[in-house]
């Protein structure tokens, strides 16, 4: 079931159905709050919706859990650039 929801969230993100994807990612995070992939994905959703501060909070949470993940730092830099614009 969780894998199915994860895949559905990915598809919804590709279709730019961000509200629906965000809802699913939030549900998945409720049961696995330290999942950095989910945090990163939800951060992306929030950024795309224009919630830049929330996106940064989420990616910072992911980095706190997995500080050696370079992809998370790339995402943080992307968010920081968007915050400047």
Protein backbone atom coordinates (compact mmCIF):
# COMPACT_ATOMS: atom_id res chain seq x y z
CA UNK A 1 0.00 0.00 0.00
CA UNK A 2 2.76 2.48 0.92
CA UNK A 3 4.65 1.76 -2.30
CA UNK A 4 1.46 2.35 -4.26
CA UNK A 5 0.89 5.71 -2.54
CA UNK A 6 4.51 6.70 -3.12
CA UNK A 7 4.23 5.89 -6.82
CA UNK A 8 0.93 7.77 -7.01
CA UNK A 9 2.55 10.84 -5.43
CA UNK A 10 5.36 10.69 -7.99
CA UNK A 11 2.90 10.50 -10.87
CA UNK A 12 0.81 13.35 -9.47
CA UNK A 13 3.93 15.49 -9.19
CA UNK A 14 4.79 14.77 -12.82
CA UNK A 15 1.26 15.80 -13.77
CA UNK A 16 1.65 19.01 -11.73
CA UNK A 17 -1.21 17.95 -9.45
CA UNK A 18 0.67 19.32 -6.48
CA UNK A 19 -2.15 19.57 -3.96
CA UNK A 20 -2.98 15.89 -4.35
CA UNK A 21 0.68 14.88 -4.29
CA UNK A 22 1.26 16.97 -1.18
CA UNK A 23 -1.65 15.34 0.61
CA UNK A 24 -0.33 11.86 -0.11
CA UNK A 25 3.23 12.79 0.86
CA UNK A 26 1.93 14.26 4.12
CA UNK A 27 0.09 11.02 4.88
CA UNK A 28 3.20 8.98 4.14
CA UNK A 29 5.33 11.26 6.32
CA UNK A 30 2.91 10.88 9.21
CA UNK A 31 3.83 7.20 9.37
CA UNK A 32 7.53 7.70 8.52
CA UNK A 33 8.58 11.21 9.62
CA UNK A 34 12.31 10.60 9.17
CA UNK A 35 12.07 9.55 5.52
CA UNK A 36 14.34 12.02 3.75
CA UNK A 37 13.02 11.10 0.31
CA UNK A 38 9.49 12.01 1.36
CA UNK A 39 10.70 15.22 3.03
CA UNK A 40 12.58 16.18 -0.11
CA UNK A 41 9.62 15.45 -2.35
CA UNK A 42 7.24 17.43 -0.16
CA UNK A 43 9.79 20.26 -0.12
CA UNK A 44 9.72 20.26 -3.92
CA UNK A 45 5.92 20.37 -3.91
CA UNK A 46 5.92 23.31 -1.49
CA UNK A 47 8.50 25.16 -3.58
CA UNK A 48 6.48 24.67 -6.75
CA UNK A 49 3.39 25.97 -4.96
CA UNK A 50 5.30 29.09 -3.92
CA UNK A 51 5.74 28.21 -0.25
CA UNK A 52 9.47 28.81 -0.23
CA UNK A 53 9.91 29.08 3.54
CA UNK A 54 8.06 25.81 4.13
CA UNK A 55 10.15 24.18 1.40
CA UNK A 56 13.32 25.29 3.18
CA UNK A 57 12.05 24.01 6.54
CA UNK A 58 11.35 20.60 5.05
CA UNK A 59 14.70 20.30 3.29
CA UNK A 60 16.49 21.43 6.46
CA UNK A 61 14.69 18.65 8.34
CA UNK A 62 15.86 16.15 5.75
CA UNK A 63 19.44 17.41 5.98
CA UNK A 64 19.35 17.14 9.78
CA UNK A 65 18.46 13.46 9.40
CA UNK A 66 20.85 12.68 6.56
CA UNK A 67 23.65 15.29 6.55
CA UNK A 68 25.86 13.37 4.12
CA UNK A 69 23.27 13.35 1.32
CA UNK A 70 24.58 15.73 -1.36
CA UNK A 71 21.30 15.69 -3.25
CA UNK A 72 19.59 17.31 -0.27
CA UNK A 73 22.12 20.14 -0.32
CA UNK A 74 21.50 20.60 -4.03
CA UNK A 75 17.79 20.92 -3.26
CA UNK A 76 18.54 23.43 -0.50
CA UNK A 77 20.59 25.54 -2.91
CA UNK A 78 17.77 25.42 -5.46
CA UNK A 79 15.32 26.64 -2.83
CA UNK A 80 17.70 29.41 -1.73
CA UNK A 81 17.98 30.64 -5.32
CA UNK A 82 14.20 30.70 -5.62
CA UNK A 83 13.93 32.65 -2.36
CA UNK A 84 16.12 35.38 -3.85
CA UNK A 85 13.78 35.78 -6.81
